[in-house]
Amino acid sequence: MTIDHLDDTDRALLTLLQQDAGQAYAALGRAVGLSAAAAHERVRKLRERGVVRRTTVEVDPKGLGLGVLSFVMVDSSAWMGDSAQAFAAIPEIVEAHVIAGSASVLVKVRTATTEQLQDVLRRLYAIEGVSGTQATVVLETFFERPPATQSPPASQSPSATRSLSQSPSAPRSPSA
């Protein structure tokens, strides 16, 4: 599901839900000019299409005593794309991504202390194929935000790119 398939009302609903997913459908509808039933139906369709994956609550990690945030680059001696379960088995890892670049996997880790971070690093080395780690501890977070729900600027939209590349004055590539 791409954002191109969303209209302005869908985008507005998504923005409102990202701010507070517990809002009543009547409030959502009022905010976007729909009835409560119409807002409910729109949200149901967004869920059905996989745009809304789940409804959750955002908890401040510091409120849970998890004040140490770090990002760990994981080096490997083998392909790590099949290791998702091994990373998921470490509860302090809140995100894990297979990446391109100097490392194979990037994980986001939340712990209470640097000693606990050290223990996570030890457990990472126990995963088959892991050959090294490089941890970066966050000193301050400027902001974290959910994905933007607005349309990309016209200059970045697929249709704009397509129309530019198909215009008669557009330069042709040698392979065209």
N, C-alpha and C. Protein backbone atom coordinates (compact mmCIF):
# COMPACT_ATOMS: atom_id res chain seq x y z
N MET A 1 0.85 -1.17 0.00
CA MET A 1 0.00 0.00 0.00
C MET A 1 0.89 1.23 0.00
N THR A 2 0.75 2.06 -1.03
CA THR A 2 1.52 3.29 -1.09
C THR A 2 0.63 4.47 -0.75
N ILE A 3 1.26 5.55 -0.41
CA ILE A 3 0.53 6.75 -0.01
C ILE A 3 -0.26 7.33 -1.19
N ASP A 4 0.11 6.97 -2.44
CA ASP A 4 -0.62 7.47 -3.62
C ASP A 4 -2.07 7.02 -3.60
N HIS A 5 -2.39 5.95 -2.92
CA HIS A 5 -3.76 5.43 -2.88
C HIS A 5 -4.58 6.04 -1.76
N LEU A 6 -4.04 7.01 -1.07
CA LEU A 6 -4.73 7.66 0.03
C LEU A 6 -5.21 9.03 -0.41
N ASP A 7 -6.44 9.38 -0.06
CA ASP A 7 -6.90 10.74 -0.36
C ASP A 7 -6.60 11.63 0.85
N ASP A 8 -6.94 12.91 0.71
CA ASP A 8 -6.64 13.87 1.79
C ASP A 8 -7.35 13.52 3.09
N THR A 9 -8.56 12.96 3.00
CA THR A 9 -9.30 12.58 4.22
C THR A 9 -8.59 11.43 4.92
N ASP A 10 -8.13 10.42 4.15
CA ASP A 10 -7.37 9.31 4.75
C ASP A 10 -6.12 9.83 5.45
N ARG A 11 -5.41 10.73 4.77
CA ARG A 11 -4.17 11.27 5.37
C ARG A 11 -4.47 12.05 6.65
N ALA A 12 -5.56 12.82 6.63
CA ALA A 12 -5.93 13.58 7.83
C ALA A 12 -6.30 12.64 8.97
N LEU A 13 -7.05 11.59 8.66
CA LEU A 13 -7.39 10.61 9.70
C LEU A 13 -6.14 9.96 10.26
N LEU A 14 -5.19 9.59 9.40
CA LEU A 14 -3.96 8.96 9.88
C LEU A 14 -3.17 9.90 10.78
N THR A 15 -3.11 11.17 10.42
CA THR A 15 -2.40 12.14 11.24
C THR A 15 -3.05 12.25 12.62
N LEU A 16 -4.38 12.32 12.64
CA LEU A 16 -5.10 12.40 13.91
C LEU A 16 -4.90 11.14 14.75
N LEU A 17 -4.94 9.97 14.11
CA LEU A 17 -4.75 8.71 14.84
C LEU A 17 -3.33 8.59 15.38
N GLN A 18 -2.35 9.11 14.64
CA GLN A 18 -0.98 9.06 15.14
C GLN A 18 -0.81 9.96 16.36
N GLN A 19 -1.57 11.03 16.42
CA GLN A 19 -1.51 11.93 17.58
C GLN A 19 -2.20 11.32 18.79
N ASP A 20 -3.33 10.62 18.55
CA ASP A 20 -4.07 10.00 19.64
C ASP A 20 -4.99 8.93 19.05
N ALA A 21 -4.54 7.69 19.10
CA ALA A 21 -5.29 6.59 18.50
C ALA A 21 -6.54 6.25 19.31
N GLY A 22 -6.70 6.81 20.49
CA GLY A 22 -7.85 6.52 21.32
C GLY A 22 -9.02 7.47 21.10
N GLN A 23 -8.91 8.36 20.12
CA GLN A 23 -9.99 9.31 19.87
C GLN A 23 -11.26 8.58 19.44
N ALA A 24 -12.39 9.11 19.85
CA ALA A 24 -13.68 8.57 19.42
C ALA A 24 -13.87 8.84 17.94
N TYR A 25 -14.59 7.95 17.28
CA TYR A 25 -14.86 8.14 15.85
C TYR A 25 -15.65 9.43 15.60
N ALA A 26 -16.49 9.82 16.55
CA ALA A 26 -17.23 11.07 16.41
C ALA A 26 -16.27 12.25 16.34
N ALA A 27 -15.24 12.26 17.20
CA ALA A 27 -14.25 13.34 17.19
C ALA A 27 -13.43 13.31 15.91
N LEU A 28 -13.04 12.12 15.49
CA LEU A 28 -12.29 12.00 14.23
C LEU A 28 -13.13 12.53 13.07
N GLY A 29 -14.38 12.10 13.03
CA GLY A 29 -15.27 12.53 11.96
C GLY A 29 -15.46 14.04 11.94
N ARG A 30 -15.68 14.64 13.11
CA ARG A 30 -15.83 16.10 13.19
C ARG A 30 -14.60 16.80 12.64
N ALA A 31 -13.44 16.28 12.97
CA ALA A 31 -12.19 16.92 12.56
C ALA A 31 -11.96 16.89 11.04
N VAL A 32 -12.54 15.89 10.39
CA VAL A 32 -12.31 15.76 8.94
C VAL A 32 -13.59 15.96 8.12
N GLY A 33 -14.68 16.34 8.78
CA GLY A 33 -15.92 16.61 8.07
C GLY A 33 -16.73 15.38 7.70
N LEU A 34 -16.63 14.33 8.51
CA LEU A 34 -17.39 13.10 8.27
C LEU A 34 -18.25 12.78 9.49
N SER A 35 -19.23 11.91 9.29
CA SER A 35 -19.99 11.39 10.43
C SER A 35 -19.12 10.39 11.17
N ALA A 36 -19.51 10.05 12.38
CA ALA A 36 -18.77 9.05 13.15
C ALA A 36 -18.74 7.72 12.39
N ALA A 37 -19.87 7.33 11.80
CA ALA A 37 -19.93 6.06 11.07
C ALA A 37 -19.02 6.08 9.85
N ALA A 38 -18.97 7.21 9.14
CA ALA A 38 -18.10 7.31 7.96
C ALA A 38 -16.62 7.28 8.37
N ALA A 39 -16.29 7.95 9.47
CA ALA A 39 -14.91 7.92 9.96
C ALA A 39 -14.53 6.51 10.36
N HIS A 40 -15.45 5.82 11.05
CA HIS A 40 -15.20 4.44 11.45
C HIS A 40 -14.95 3.55 10.23
N GLU A 41 -15.75 3.72 9.20
CA GLU A 41 -15.61 2.93 7.99
C GLU A 41 -14.28 3.22 7.30
N ARG A 42 -13.87 4.48 7.26
CA ARG A 42 -12.58 4.84 6.65
C ARG A 42 -11.43 4.17 7.41
N VAL A 43 -11.48 4.24 8.72
CA VAL A 43 -10.41 3.63 9.53
C VAL A 43 -10.43 2.12 9.35
N ARG A 44 -11.61 1.52 9.31
CA ARG A 44 -11.70 0.07 9.08
C ARG A 44 -11.05 -0.31 7.76
N LYS A 45 -11.29 0.48 6.72
CA LYS A 45 -10.70 0.20 5.41
C LYS A 45 -9.18 0.40 5.42
N LEU A 46 -8.71 1.39 6.16
CA LEU A 46 -7.27 1.60 6.29
C LEU A 46 -6.61 0.40 6.98
N ARG A 47 -7.29 -0.17 7.97
CA ARG A 47 -6.79 -1.38 8.64
C ARG A 47 -6.81 -2.56 7.67
N GLU A 48 -7.91 -2.71 6.98
CA GLU A 48 -8.09 -3.82 6.04
C GLU A 48 -7.02 -3.80 4.95
N ARG A 49 -6.67 -2.60 4.48
CA ARG A 49 -5.67 -2.45 3.42
C ARG A 49 -4.24 -2.52 3.96
N GLY A 50 -4.09 -2.60 5.27
CA GLY A 50 -2.76 -2.73 5.86
C GLY A 50 -2.04 -1.41 6.08
N VAL A 51 -2.73 -0.28 5.86
CA VAL A 51 -2.11 1.02 6.11
C VAL A 51 -1.97 1.22 7.61
N VAL A 52 -3.01 0.90 8.37
CA VAL A 52 -2.95 0.91 9.83
C VAL A 52 -2.68 -0.53 10.25
N ARG A 53 -1.49 -0.76 10.80
CA ARG A 53 -1.11 -2.12 11.18
C ARG A 53 -1.66 -2.52 12.54
N ARG A 54 -1.68 -1.56 13.47
CA ARG A 54 -2.16 -1.87 14.81
C ARG A 54 -2.42 -0.56 15.55
N THR A 55 -3.19 -0.65 16.61
CA THR A 55 -3.44 0.49 17.47
C THR A 55 -2.74 0.21 18.78
N THR A 56 -1.94 1.16 19.22
CA THR A 56 -1.12 0.91 20.39
C THR A 56 -1.00 2.18 21.22
N VAL A 57 -0.29 2.10 22.30
CA VAL A 57 -0.02 3.25 23.15
C VAL A 57 1.49 3.50 23.12
N GLU A 58 1.88 4.75 23.11
CA GLU A 58 3.30 5.10 23.13
C GLU A 58 3.70 5.34 24.58
N VAL A 59 4.66 4.57 25.04
CA VAL A 59 5.12 4.65 26.43
C VAL A 59 6.49 5.31 26.44
N ASP A 60 6.72 6.23 27.37
CA ASP A 60 8.02 6.86 27.51
C ASP A 60 8.98 5.84 28.12
N PRO A 61 10.02 5.42 27.39
CA PRO A 61 10.95 4.42 27.93
C PRO A 61 11.58 4.83 29.26
N LYS A 62 11.84 6.13 29.43
CA LYS A 62 12.42 6.59 30.70
C LYS A 62 11.46 6.34 31.85
N GLY A 63 10.15 6.42 31.58
CA GLY A 63 9.15 6.13 32.60
C GLY A 63 9.19 4.68 33.06
N LEU A 64 9.76 3.82 32.21
CA LEU A 64 9.92 2.40 32.56
C LEU A 64 11.32 2.11 33.08
N GLY A 65 12.11 3.17 33.26
CA GLY A 65 13.48 2.97 33.74
C GLY A 65 14.45 2.56 32.65
N LEU A 66 14.10 2.78 31.38
CA LEU A 66 14.96 2.39 30.26
C LEU A 66 15.58 3.64 29.65
N GLY A 67 16.45 4.28 30.39
CA GLY A 67 17.03 5.55 29.98
C GLY A 67 18.21 5.47 29.04
N VAL A 68 18.73 4.29 28.79
CA VAL A 68 19.89 4.15 27.90
C VAL A 68 19.40 3.66 26.54
N LEU A 69 19.55 4.53 25.53
CA LEU A 69 19.19 4.20 24.16
C LEU A 69 20.47 4.06 23.37
N SER A 70 20.56 2.98 22.61
CA SER A 70 21.76 2.81 21.78
C SER A 70 21.38 2.17 20.45
N PHE A 71 22.22 2.42 19.48
CA PHE A 71 22.11 1.78 18.17
C PHE A 71 23.35 0.94 17.99
N VAL A 72 23.16 -0.30 17.58
CA VAL A 72 24.28 -1.23 17.46
C VAL A 72 24.36 -1.73 16.03
N MET A 73 25.52 -1.50 15.42
CA MET A 73 25.80 -2.06 14.10
C MET A 73 26.37 -3.45 14.35
N VAL A 74 25.79 -4.44 13.69
CA VAL A 74 26.20 -5.83 13.88
C VAL A 74 26.90 -6.31 12.62
N ASP A 75 28.15 -6.71 12.77
CA ASP A 75 28.92 -7.29 11.67
C ASP A 75 28.69 -8.79 11.67
N SER A 76 28.84 -9.38 10.48
CA SER A 76 28.60 -10.82 10.41
C SER A 76 29.56 -11.48 9.43
N SER A 77 29.70 -12.77 9.62
CA SER A 77 30.51 -13.57 8.72
C SER A 77 29.63 -14.33 7.73
N ALA A 78 28.31 -14.11 7.81
CA ALA A 78 27.37 -14.80 6.93
C ALA A 78 26.14 -13.92 6.76
N TRP A 79 25.30 -14.28 5.80
CA TRP A 79 24.04 -13.57 5.58
C TRP A 79 23.19 -13.64 6.84
N MET A 80 22.69 -12.49 7.30
CA MET A 80 21.92 -12.44 8.54
C MET A 80 20.41 -12.32 8.29
N GLY A 81 20.00 -12.31 7.05
CA GLY A 81 18.60 -12.11 6.71
C GLY A 81 17.65 -13.15 7.27
N ASP A 82 18.18 -14.30 7.65
CA ASP A 82 17.34 -15.37 8.21
C ASP A 82 17.42 -15.43 9.73
N SER A 83 17.96 -14.40 10.36
CA SER A 83 18.20 -14.42 11.80
C SER A 83 17.21 -13.60 12.61
N ALA A 84 16.10 -13.23 12.03
CA ALA A 84 15.15 -12.35 12.71
C ALA A 84 14.74 -12.89 14.08
N GLN A 85 14.46 -14.18 14.17
CA GLN A 85 14.01 -14.75 15.45
C GLN A 85 15.10 -14.65 16.52
N ALA A 86 16.34 -14.81 16.14
CA ALA A 86 17.43 -14.73 17.12
C ALA A 86 17.53 -13.31 17.70
N PHE A 87 17.35 -12.30 16.84
CA PHE A 87 17.38 -10.92 17.32
C PHE A 87 16.13 -10.63 18.15
N ALA A 88 14.99 -11.11 17.70
CA ALA A 88 13.73 -10.88 18.41
C ALA A 88 13.72 -11.53 19.79
N ALA A 89 14.54 -12.55 19.99
CA ALA A 89 14.60 -13.24 21.28
C ALA A 89 15.29 -12.41 22.36
N ILE A 90 15.92 -11.32 21.98
CA ILE A 90 16.57 -10.42 22.95
C ILE A 90 15.60 -9.27 23.20
N PRO A 91 14.92 -9.27 24.36
CA PRO A 91 13.83 -8.31 24.57
C PRO A 91 14.26 -6.86 24.60
N GLU A 92 15.51 -6.58 24.89
CA GLU A 92 15.97 -5.19 24.91
C GLU A 92 16.09 -4.59 23.51
N ILE A 93 16.11 -5.45 22.48
CA ILE A 93 16.15 -4.96 21.10
C ILE A 93 14.74 -4.58 20.71
N VAL A 94 14.54 -3.29 20.41
CA VAL A 94 13.20 -2.82 20.06
C VAL A 94 13.00 -2.69 18.55
N GLU A 95 14.09 -2.69 17.79
CA GLU A 95 14.03 -2.68 16.33
C GLU A 95 15.25 -3.41 15.82
N ALA A 96 15.10 -4.10 14.70
CA ALA A 96 16.23 -4.75 14.05
C ALA A 96 16.02 -4.65 12.54
N HIS A 97 17.08 -4.27 11.83
CA HIS A 97 17.00 -4.04 10.39
C HIS A 97 18.20 -4.66 9.69
N VAL A 98 17.96 -5.41 8.62
CA VAL A 98 19.05 -5.84 7.74
C VAL A 98 19.38 -4.62 6.91
N ILE A 99 20.68 -4.28 6.82
CA ILE A 99 21.08 -3.05 6.15
C ILE A 99 22.16 -3.31 5.11
N ALA A 100 22.33 -2.35 4.24
CA ALA A 100 23.45 -2.35 3.30
C ALA A 100 24.50 -1.41 3.87
N GLY A 101 25.74 -1.73 3.65
CA GLY A 101 26.80 -0.87 4.17
C GLY A 101 27.87 -1.69 4.86
N SER A 102 28.55 -1.05 5.79
CA SER A 102 29.68 -1.72 6.44
C SER A 102 29.27 -2.78 7.44
N ALA A 103 28.03 -2.75 7.88
CA ALA A 103 27.52 -3.77 8.82
C ALA A 103 26.36 -4.50 8.15
N SER A 104 25.92 -5.57 8.76
CA SER A 104 24.84 -6.39 8.20
C SER A 104 23.48 -6.08 8.81
N VAL A 105 23.49 -5.74 10.10
CA VAL A 105 22.25 -5.52 10.83
C VAL A 105 22.42 -4.28 11.70
N LEU A 106 21.35 -3.51 11.83
CA LEU A 106 21.31 -2.38 12.75
C LEU A 106 20.21 -2.66 13.74
N VAL A 107 20.53 -2.59 15.04
CA VAL A 107 19.51 -2.79 16.07
C VAL A 107 19.43 -1.57 16.96
N LYS A 108 18.21 -1.32 17.42
CA LYS A 108 17.94 -0.25 18.38
C LYS A 108 17.70 -0.94 19.72
N VAL A 109 18.43 -0.52 20.73
CA VAL A 109 18.41 -1.20 22.03
C VAL A 109 18.05 -0.20 23.12
N ARG A 110 17.17 -0.61 24.02
CA ARG A 110 16.83 0.21 25.20
C ARG A 110 17.12 -0.61 26.45
N THR A 111 17.94 -0.03 27.33
CA THR A 111 18.27 -0.68 28.60
C THR A 111 18.23 0.36 29.72
N ALA A 112 18.32 -0.12 30.94
CA ALA A 112 18.34 0.78 32.10
C ALA A 112 19.74 1.30 32.36
N THR A 113 20.74 0.46 32.09
CA THR A 113 22.12 0.83 32.41
C THR A 113 23.06 0.41 31.28
N THR A 114 24.25 0.95 31.31
CA THR A 114 25.24 0.53 30.31
C THR A 114 25.72 -0.90 30.59
N GLU A 115 25.63 -1.33 31.84
CA GLU A 115 25.97 -2.72 32.16
C GLU A 115 24.98 -3.67 31.46
N GLN A 116 23.72 -3.29 31.45
CA GLN A 116 22.73 -4.11 30.74
C GLN A 116 22.97 -4.07 29.24
N LEU A 117 23.40 -2.93 28.70
CA LEU A 117 23.75 -2.85 27.29
C LEU A 117 24.90 -3.81 26.99
N GLN A 118 25.88 -3.85 27.87
CA GLN A 118 27.01 -4.77 27.70
C GLN A 118 26.52 -6.23 27.65
N ASP A 119 25.55 -6.55 28.48
CA ASP A 119 24.98 -7.90 28.47
C ASP A 119 24.27 -8.18 27.14
N VAL A 120 23.57 -7.19 26.59
CA VAL A 120 22.93 -7.36 25.28
C VAL A 120 23.99 -7.62 24.21
N LEU A 121 25.08 -6.88 24.26
CA LEU A 121 26.16 -7.09 23.29
C LEU A 121 26.71 -8.51 23.39
N ARG A 122 26.85 -9.00 24.62
CA ARG A 122 27.32 -10.37 24.81
C ARG A 122 26.35 -11.36 24.16
N ARG A 123 25.05 -11.14 24.36
CA ARG A 123 24.05 -12.03 23.77
C ARG A 123 24.01 -11.92 22.25
N LEU A 124 24.31 -10.74 21.73
CA LEU A 124 24.38 -10.60 20.26
C LEU A 124 25.48 -11.49 19.70
N TYR A 125 26.62 -11.55 20.38
CA TYR A 125 27.73 -12.39 19.91
C TYR A 125 27.38 -13.87 19.91
N ALA A 126 26.37 -14.23 20.69
CA ALA A 126 25.96 -15.64 20.73
C ALA A 126 25.10 -16.03 19.51
N ILE A 127 24.67 -15.04 18.73
CA ILE A 127 23.88 -15.34 17.53
C ILE A 127 24.82 -15.84 16.44
N GLU A 128 24.45 -16.95 15.85
CA GLU A 128 25.29 -17.56 14.82
C GLU A 128 25.54 -16.57 13.67
N GLY A 129 26.81 -16.42 13.32
CA GLY A 129 27.19 -15.53 12.23
C GLY A 129 27.65 -14.16 12.66
N VAL A 130 27.32 -13.73 13.90
CA VAL A 130 27.73 -12.41 14.37
C VAL A 130 29.22 -12.43 14.64
N SER A 131 29.94 -11.48 14.01
CA SER A 131 31.40 -11.44 14.18
C SER A 131 31.88 -10.18 14.87
N GLY A 132 31.00 -9.20 15.06
CA GLY A 132 31.41 -7.98 15.72
C GLY A 132 30.24 -7.04 15.92
N THR A 133 30.42 -6.06 16.80
CA THR A 133 29.39 -5.05 17.04
C THR A 133 30.06 -3.70 17.22
N GLN A 134 29.31 -2.67 16.94
CA GLN A 134 29.74 -1.30 17.24
C GLN A 134 28.54 -0.58 17.80
N ALA A 135 28.59 -0.27 19.09
CA ALA A 135 27.47 0.36 19.77
C ALA A 135 27.68 1.86 19.85
N THR A 136 26.60 2.60 19.60
CA THR A 136 26.60 4.05 19.75
C THR A 136 25.51 4.38 20.76
N VAL A 137 25.91 5.01 21.87
CA VAL A 137 24.96 5.36 22.92
C VAL A 137 24.45 6.78 22.65
N VAL A 138 23.15 6.95 22.71
CA VAL A 138 22.51 8.24 22.45
C VAL A 138 22.62 9.10 23.70
N LEU A 139 23.10 10.33 23.53
CA LEU A 139 23.19 11.26 24.65
C LEU A 139 21.91 12.07 24.80
N GLU A 140 21.29 12.43 23.67
CA GLU A 140 20.07 13.22 23.69
C GLU A 140 19.28 12.92 22.41
N THR A 141 17.98 12.81 22.54
CA THR A 141 17.12 12.62 21.38
C THR A 141 16.43 13.95 21.09
N PHE A 142 16.67 14.50 19.91
CA PHE A 142 15.99 15.74 19.52
C PHE A 142 14.51 15.49 19.34
N PHE A 143 14.16 14.44 18.60
CA PHE A 143 12.76 14.10 18.38
C PHE A 143 12.67 12.70 17.80
N GLU A 144 11.51 12.11 17.95
CA GLU A 144 11.12 10.88 17.29
C GLU A 144 9.72 11.15 16.76
N ARG A 145 9.44 10.68 15.57
CA ARG A 145 8.11 10.92 15.04
C ARG A 145 7.64 9.75 14.19
N PRO A 146 6.33 9.63 14.06
CA PRO A 146 5.80 8.58 13.19
C PRO A 146 6.00 8.98 11.74
N PRO A 147 5.82 8.06 10.81
CA PRO A 147 5.95 8.39 9.40
C PRO A 147 4.98 9.50 9.00
N ALA A 148 5.40 10.36 8.10
CA ALA A 148 4.55 11.45 7.61
C ALA A 148 3.40 10.87 6.80
N THR A 149 2.23 11.48 6.92
CA THR A 149 1.07 11.00 6.19
C THR A 149 0.72 11.91 5.03
N GLN A 150 1.48 12.99 4.83
CA GLN A 150 1.20 13.90 3.73
C GLN A 150 1.73 13.32 2.43
N SER A 151 1.19 13.81 1.31
CA SER A 151 1.67 13.40 0.00
C SER A 151 3.08 13.92 -0.20
N PRO A 152 3.92 13.17 -0.94
CA PRO A 152 5.24 13.69 -1.25
C PRO A 152 5.10 14.90 -2.16
N PRO A 153 6.08 15.84 -2.13
CA PRO A 153 6.01 16.99 -3.03
C PRO A 153 5.91 16.50 -4.48
N ALA A 154 5.27 17.28 -5.33
CA ALA A 154 5.05 16.89 -6.72
C ALA A 154 6.36 16.51 -7.40
N SER A 155 7.45 17.17 -7.04
CA SER A 155 8.73 16.86 -7.69
C SER A 155 9.25 15.49 -7.31
N GLN A 156 8.71 14.88 -6.22
CA GLN A 156 9.17 13.57 -5.78
C GLN A 156 8.14 12.48 -6.01
N SER A 157 6.95 12.84 -6.48
CA SER A 157 5.91 11.83 -6.66
C SER A 157 6.20 10.97 -7.87
N PRO A 158 5.84 9.69 -7.84
CA PRO A 158 6.10 8.80 -8.97
C PRO A 158 5.48 9.31 -10.27
N SER A 159 4.27 9.89 -10.21
CA SER A 159 3.65 10.36 -11.45
C SER A 159 4.40 11.54 -12.02
N ALA A 160 4.92 12.43 -11.16
CA ALA A 160 5.70 13.57 -11.67
C ALA A 160 6.99 13.08 -12.30
N THR A 161 7.63 12.11 -11.66
CA THR A 161 8.87 11.56 -12.21
C THR A 161 8.59 10.89 -13.54
N ARG A 162 7.50 10.14 -13.61
CA ARG A 162 7.13 9.45 -14.83
C ARG A 162 6.87 10.44 -15.95
N SER A 163 6.11 11.52 -15.68
CA SER A 163 5.77 12.47 -16.73
C SER A 163 7.00 13.23 -17.18
N LEU A 164 7.95 13.53 -16.28
CA LEU A 164 9.18 14.21 -16.69
C LEU A 164 10.02 13.32 -17.58
N SER A 165 10.12 12.05 -17.23
CA SER A 165 10.97 11.15 -18.01
C SER A 165 10.35 10.82 -19.36
N GLN A 166 9.03 11.07 -19.52
CA GLN A 166 8.38 10.76 -20.78
C GLN A 166 8.17 12.00 -21.63
N SER A 167 8.57 13.17 -21.13
CA SER A 167 8.35 14.38 -21.91
C SER A 167 9.32 14.41 -23.09
N PRO A 168 8.89 15.03 -24.23
CA PRO A 168 9.73 15.04 -25.42
C PRO A 168 11.04 15.78 -25.22
N SER A 169 11.08 16.77 -24.29
CA SER A 169 12.32 17.54 -24.12
C SER A 169 13.25 16.92 -23.11
N ALA A 170 12.82 15.87 -22.45
CA ALA A 170 13.68 15.21 -21.47
C ALA A 170 14.82 14.52 -22.16
N PRO A 171 16.05 14.63 -21.62
CA PRO A 171 17.18 13.95 -22.24
C PRO A 171 16.99 12.44 -22.23
N ARG A 172 17.41 11.80 -23.27
CA ARG A 172 17.32 10.35 -23.37
C ARG A 172 18.61 9.74 -22.84
N SER A 173 18.45 8.62 -22.12
CA SER A 173 19.64 7.92 -21.66
C SER A 173 20.19 7.09 -22.82
N PRO A 174 21.48 6.76 -22.82
CA PRO A 174 22.07 5.97 -23.90
C PRO A 174 21.41 4.62 -24.06
N SER A 175 20.86 4.07 -22.99
CA SER A 175 20.26 2.74 -23.08
C SER A 175 18.82 2.78 -23.57
N ALA A 176 18.24 3.98 -23.73
CA ALA A 176 16.84 4.10 -24.14
C ALA A 176 16.65 3.81 -25.61
